[in-house]
């Protein structure tokens, strides 16, 4: 009788251990791909009435810890790198906020730019679109202007041995 009870307990323990081992894999399979990684994007900024102000290319790195770094193809003397934070909201939706310093042609500080994005990641995790809002502030923190925009991005492909 004791042997039968021991076998039942061992069998139950093995089943529980197997369930714990398999369960995380099935849960993670349901999670959307992460935004973490490096992305190439095209951004269109508007005055929120449909009038295009600027179109440019950018590279954004979403770091797993929720940090982000952004740079674009504007001359490096016009503004510094964008630094900020991002987070998962729900499903394939993310939010991001970053800022960078603006500079005058003589190199003096011209103010701060803040950018907010509502990002929707594609089902395969290799592209996203975002709705953008931005605000430009003078050196004293006064709002100079604000606007809207859109962005479409593709994930930078993984490094391959053939790239060497």
C-alpha atoms as a PDB file:
ATOM      1  CA  UNK A   1       0.000   0.000   0.000  1.00  0.00           C
ATOM      2  CA  UNK A   2       2.835   2.400   0.939  1.00  0.00           C
ATOM      3  CA  UNK A   3       4.553   1.683  -2.374  1.00  0.00           C
ATOM      4  CA  UNK A   4       1.369   2.471  -4.266  1.00  0.00           C
ATOM      5  CA  UNK A   5       0.945   5.797  -2.420  1.00  0.00           C
ATOM      6  CA  UNK A   6       4.606   6.701  -3.086  1.00  0.00           C
ATOM      7  CA  UNK A   7       4.186   5.915  -6.785  1.00  0.00           C
ATOM      8  CA  UNK A   8       1.058   8.083  -6.903  1.00  0.00           C
ATOM      9  CA  UNK A   9       2.837  10.985  -5.188  1.00  0.00           C
ATOM     10  CA  UNK A  10       5.869  10.672  -7.497  1.00  0.00           C
ATOM     11  CA  UNK A  11       3.577  10.479 -10.530  1.00  0.00           C
ATOM     12  CA  UNK A  12       1.631  13.551  -9.386  1.00  0.00           C
ATOM     13  CA  UNK A  13       4.869  15.451  -8.697  1.00  0.00           C
ATOM     14  CA  UNK A  14       6.228  14.579 -12.152  1.00  0.00           C
ATOM     15  CA  UNK A  15       2.982  15.704 -13.794  1.00  0.00           C
ATOM     16  CA  UNK A  16       3.076  18.996 -11.873  1.00  0.00           C
ATOM     17  CA  UNK A  17       6.724  19.546 -12.809  1.00  0.00           C
ATOM     18  CA  UNK A  18       5.982  18.837 -16.456  1.00  0.00           C
ATOM     19  CA  UNK A  19       3.033  21.253 -16.406  1.00  0.00           C
ATOM     20  CA  UNK A  20       5.209  24.004 -14.907  1.00  0.00           C
ATOM     21  CA  UNK A  21       7.898  23.393 -17.510  1.00  0.00           C
ATOM     22  CA  UNK A  22       5.498  23.488 -20.466  1.00  0.00           C
ATOM     23  CA  UNK A  23       3.136  26.261 -19.274  1.00  0.00           C
ATOM     24  CA  UNK A  24       5.535  29.222 -19.663  1.00  0.00           C
ATOM     25  CA  UNK A  25       6.249  28.262 -23.293  1.00  0.00           C
ATOM     26  CA  UNK A  26       2.576  28.246 -24.193  1.00  0.00           C
ATOM     27  CA  UNK A  27       1.961  31.572 -22.415  1.00  0.00           C
ATOM     28  CA  UNK A  28       4.934  33.268 -24.108  1.00  0.00           C
ATOM     29  CA  UNK A  29       3.781  31.962 -27.492  1.00  0.00           C
ATOM     30  CA  UNK A  30       0.635  34.077 -27.050  1.00  0.00           C
ATOM     31  CA  UNK A  31       2.560  37.270 -26.253  1.00  0.00           C
ATOM     32  CA  UNK A  32       3.184  39.684 -29.148  1.00  0.00           C
ATOM     33  CA  UNK A  33       6.732  40.139 -30.431  1.00  0.00           C
ATOM     34  CA  UNK A  34       8.681  42.752 -28.475  1.00  0.00           C
ATOM     35  CA  UNK A  35       9.379  46.253 -29.717  1.00  0.00           C
ATOM     36  CA  UNK A  36      12.946  45.885 -28.423  1.00  0.00           C
ATOM     37  CA  UNK A  37      15.493  46.174 -31.214  1.00  0.00           C
ATOM     38  CA  UNK A  38      16.757  48.610 -33.831  1.00  0.00           C
ATOM     39  CA  UNK A  39      14.372  50.149 -36.359  1.00  0.00           C
ATOM     40  CA  UNK A  40      14.678  52.260 -39.519  1.00  0.00           C
ATOM     41  CA  UNK A  41      11.773  54.649 -39.905  1.00  0.00           C
ATOM     42  CA  UNK A  42      10.343  57.377 -42.066  1.00  0.00           C
ATOM     43  CA  UNK A  43       8.621  60.196 -40.195  1.00  0.00           C
ATOM     44  CA  UNK A  44       6.243  62.816 -41.575  1.00  0.00           C
ATOM     45  CA  UNK A  45       5.555  65.821 -39.337  1.00  0.00           C
ATOM     46  CA  UNK A  46       2.502  68.014 -39.974  1.00  0.00           C
ATOM     47  CA  UNK A  47       0.811  71.052 -38.487  1.00  0.00           C
ATOM     48  CA  UNK A  48      -2.108  68.763 -37.455  1.00  0.00           C
ATOM     49  CA  UNK A  49      -4.178  70.177 -40.342  1.00  0.00           C
ATOM     50  CA  UNK A  50      -2.592  67.922 -42.953  1.00  0.00           C
ATOM     51  CA  UNK A  51       0.107  70.369 -44.069  1.00  0.00           C
ATOM     52  CA  UNK A  52       3.484  68.621 -44.181  1.00  0.00           C
ATOM     53  CA  UNK A  53       6.241  70.398 -42.269  1.00  0.00           C
ATOM     54  CA  UNK A  54       9.042  67.897 -42.703  1.00  0.00           C
ATOM     55  CA  UNK A  55       9.748  64.342 -43.842  1.00  0.00           C
ATOM     56  CA  UNK A  56      12.888  62.594 -42.608  1.00  0.00           C
ATOM     57  CA  UNK A  57      14.485  59.235 -41.873  1.00  0.00           C
ATOM     58  CA  UNK A  58      15.396  58.060 -38.389  1.00  0.00           C
ATOM     59  CA  UNK A  59      16.965  55.129 -36.598  1.00  0.00           C
ATOM     60  CA  UNK A  60      15.527  54.166 -33.224  1.00  0.00           C
ATOM     61  CA  UNK A  61      16.777  51.637 -30.694  1.00  0.00           C
ATOM     62  CA  UNK A  62      14.196  50.338 -28.221  1.00  0.00           C
ATOM     63  CA  UNK A  63      16.178  48.746 -25.391  1.00  0.00           C
ATOM     64  CA  UNK A  64      14.657  45.851 -23.423  1.00  0.00           C
ATOM     65  CA  UNK A  65      14.759  47.837 -20.147  1.00  0.00           C
ATOM     66  CA  UNK A  66      12.354  50.452 -21.570  1.00  0.00           C
ATOM     67  CA  UNK A  67      14.968  53.004 -22.649  1.00  0.00           C
ATOM     68  CA  UNK A  68      15.184  54.336 -26.172  1.00  0.00           C
ATOM     69  CA  UNK A  69      17.756  56.155 -28.268  1.00  0.00           C
ATOM     70  CA  UNK A  70      16.868  57.947 -31.488  1.00  0.00           C
ATOM     71  CA  UNK A  71      18.803  59.760 -34.179  1.00  0.00           C
ATOM     72  CA  UNK A  72      17.784  61.093 -37.579  1.00  0.00           C
ATOM     73  CA  UNK A  73      19.235  62.453 -40.798  1.00  0.00           C
ATOM     74  CA  UNK A  74      19.104  66.125 -39.746  1.00  0.00           C
ATOM     75  CA  UNK A  75      22.514  67.790 -39.542  1.00  0.00           C
ATOM     76  CA  UNK A  76      24.089  66.910 -36.171  1.00  0.00           C
ATOM     77  CA  UNK A  77      24.594  70.618 -35.465  1.00  0.00           C
ATOM     78  CA  UNK A  78      20.799  71.218 -35.415  1.00  0.00           C
ATOM     79  CA  UNK A  79      19.970  68.886 -32.518  1.00  0.00           C
ATOM     80  CA  UNK A  80      21.355  66.199 -30.270  1.00  0.00           C
ATOM     81  CA  UNK A  81      20.341  62.535 -30.003  1.00  0.00           C
ATOM     82  CA  UNK A  82      16.877  61.651 -28.751  1.00  0.00           C
ATOM     83  CA  UNK A  83      16.736  59.915 -25.393  1.00  0.00           C
ATOM     84  CA  UNK A  84      13.640  58.586 -23.699  1.00  0.00           C
ATOM     85  CA  UNK A  85      11.442  55.733 -22.509  1.00  0.00           C
ATOM     86  CA  UNK A  86       8.949  53.290 -24.006  1.00  0.00           C
ATOM     87  CA  UNK A  87       6.516  50.759 -22.597  1.00  0.00           C
ATOM     88  CA  UNK A  88       4.069  48.072 -23.608  1.00  0.00           C
ATOM     89  CA  UNK A  89       0.428  49.211 -23.291  1.00  0.00           C
ATOM     90  CA  UNK A  90      -1.616  46.211 -24.450  1.00  0.00           C
ATOM     91  CA  UNK A  91      -1.581  43.654 -27.244  1.00  0.00           C
ATOM     92  CA  UNK A  92       0.656  45.058 -29.989  1.00  0.00           C
ATOM     93  CA  UNK A  93       0.354  48.663 -28.708  1.00  0.00           C
ATOM     94  CA  UNK A  94       3.211  50.638 -27.177  1.00  0.00           C
ATOM     95  CA  UNK A  95       3.826  54.181 -26.027  1.00  0.00           C
ATOM     96  CA  UNK A  96       7.084  56.132 -26.285  1.00  0.00           C
ATOM     97  CA  UNK A  97       8.286  59.513 -25.108  1.00  0.00           C
ATOM     98  CA  UNK A  98      11.672  61.023 -25.898  1.00  0.00           C
ATOM     99  CA  UNK A  99      13.340  64.395 -26.144  1.00  0.00           C
ATOM    100  CA  UNK A 100      16.378  66.105 -27.602  1.00  0.00           C
ATOM    101  CA  UNK A 101      18.131  69.463 -27.411  1.00  0.00           C
ATOM    102  CA  UNK A 102      17.838  71.899 -30.349  1.00  0.00           C
ATOM    103  CA  UNK A 103      20.695  74.215 -31.341  1.00  0.00           C
ATOM    104  CA  UNK A 104      20.921  77.492 -33.255  1.00  0.00           C
ATOM    105  CA  UNK A 105      23.188  77.746 -36.334  1.00  0.00           C
ATOM    106  CA  UNK A 106      25.893  79.317 -34.120  1.00  0.00           C
ATOM    107  CA  UNK A 107      25.779  76.233 -31.839  1.00  0.00           C
ATOM    108  CA  UNK A 108      24.012  77.927 -28.941  1.00  0.00           C
ATOM    109  CA  UNK A 109      21.169  76.178 -27.111  1.00  0.00           C
ATOM    110  CA  UNK A 110      17.811  76.809 -28.819  1.00  0.00           C
ATOM    111  CA  UNK A 111      15.500  74.744 -26.630  1.00  0.00           C
ATOM    112  CA  UNK A 112      14.007  71.324 -26.203  1.00  0.00           C
ATOM    113  CA  UNK A 113      11.904  69.089 -28.447  1.00  0.00           C
ATOM    114  CA  UNK A 114       9.545  66.488 -26.905  1.00  0.00           C
ATOM    115  CA  UNK A 115       8.055  63.681 -28.998  1.00  0.00           C
ATOM    116  CA  UNK A 116       5.271  61.272 -28.019  1.00  0.00           C
ATOM    117  CA  UNK A 117       4.331  58.222 -30.056  1.00  0.00           C
ATOM    118  CA  UNK A 118       1.516  55.700 -29.969  1.00  0.00           C
ATOM    119  CA  UNK A 119       2.990  52.666 -31.703  1.00  0.00           C
ATOM    120  CA  UNK A 120       1.221  49.672 -33.238  1.00  0.00           C
ATOM    121  CA  UNK A 121       3.476  46.699 -33.924  1.00  0.00           C
ATOM    122  CA  UNK A 122       2.646  44.446 -36.885  1.00  0.00           C
ATOM    123  CA  UNK A 123       1.530  40.867 -36.210  1.00  0.00           C
ATOM    124  CA  UNK A 124       4.891  39.467 -37.386  1.00  0.00           C
ATOM    125  CA  UNK A 125       6.837  41.973 -35.263  1.00  0.00           C
ATOM    126  CA  UNK A 126       8.939  43.251 -38.164  1.00  0.00           C
ATOM    127  CA  UNK A 127       7.287  46.625 -38.763  1.00  0.00           C
ATOM    128  CA  UNK A 128       5.276  49.249 -36.944  1.00  0.00           C
ATOM    129  CA  UNK A 129       3.325  52.430 -37.514  1.00  0.00           C
ATOM    130  CA  UNK A 130       2.918  55.250 -35.047  1.00  0.00           C
ATOM    131  CA  UNK A 131       0.936  58.394 -34.451  1.00  0.00           C
ATOM    132  CA  UNK A 132       3.260  61.212 -33.409  1.00  0.00           C
ATOM    133  CA  UNK A 133       2.769  64.443 -31.455  1.00  0.00           C
ATOM    134  CA  UNK A 134       5.601  66.868 -30.804  1.00  0.00           C
ATOM    135  CA  UNK A 135       6.257  70.085 -28.920  1.00  0.00           C
ATOM    136  CA  UNK A 136       9.119  72.571 -29.312  1.00  0.00           C
ATOM    137  CA  UNK A 137      10.157  74.699 -26.345  1.00  0.00           C
ATOM    138  CA  UNK A 138      12.486  77.706 -26.121  1.00  0.00           C
ATOM    139  CA  UNK A 139      15.441  77.742 -23.678  1.00  0.00           C
ATOM    140  CA  UNK A 140      13.131  79.059 -20.923  1.00  0.00           C
ATOM    141  CA  UNK A 141      10.641  76.207 -21.334  1.00  0.00           C
ATOM    142  CA  UNK A 142       7.984  78.226 -23.183  1.00  0.00           C
ATOM    143  CA  UNK A 143       6.062  76.328 -25.867  1.00  0.00           C
ATOM    144  CA  UNK A 144       6.994  77.663 -29.308  1.00  0.00           C
ATOM    145  CA  UNK A 145       4.869  75.330 -31.456  1.00  0.00           C
ATOM    146  CA  UNK A 146       3.474  71.826 -31.591  1.00  0.00           C
ATOM    147  CA  UNK A 147       2.385  69.439 -34.267  1.00  0.00           C
ATOM    148  CA  UNK A 148       1.389  65.952 -35.317  1.00  0.00           C
ATOM    149  CA  UNK A 149       2.786  63.263 -37.518  1.00  0.00           C
ATOM    150  CA  UNK A 150       3.040  59.673 -38.549  1.00  0.00           C
ATOM    151  CA  UNK A 151       5.803  57.133 -38.731  1.00  0.00           C
ATOM    152  CA  UNK A 152       6.357  53.795 -40.429  1.00  0.00           C
ATOM    153  CA  UNK A 153       9.291  51.610 -39.477  1.00  0.00           C
ATOM    154  CA  UNK A 154      10.914  48.299 -40.274  1.00  0.00           C
ATOM    155  CA  UNK A 155      13.080  46.259 -37.961  1.00  0.00           C
ATOM    156  CA  UNK A 156      16.784  46.170 -38.808  1.00  0.00           C
ATOM    157  CA  UNK A 157      17.469  42.600 -39.824  1.00  0.00           C
ATOM    158  CA  UNK A 158      19.534  40.437 -37.471  1.00  0.00           C
ATOM    159  CA  UNK A 159      23.289  40.367 -37.923  1.00  0.00           C
ATOM    160  CA  UNK A 160      24.384  37.495 -40.153  1.00  0.00           C
ATOM    161  CA  UNK A 161      27.830  35.813 -40.319  1.00  0.00           C
ATOM    162  CA  UNK A 162      27.958  36.792 -44.005  1.00  0.00           C
ATOM    163  CA  UNK A 163      27.966  40.449 -42.866  1.00  0.00           C
ATOM    164  CA  UNK A 164      31.603  40.048 -41.742  1.00  0.00           C
END
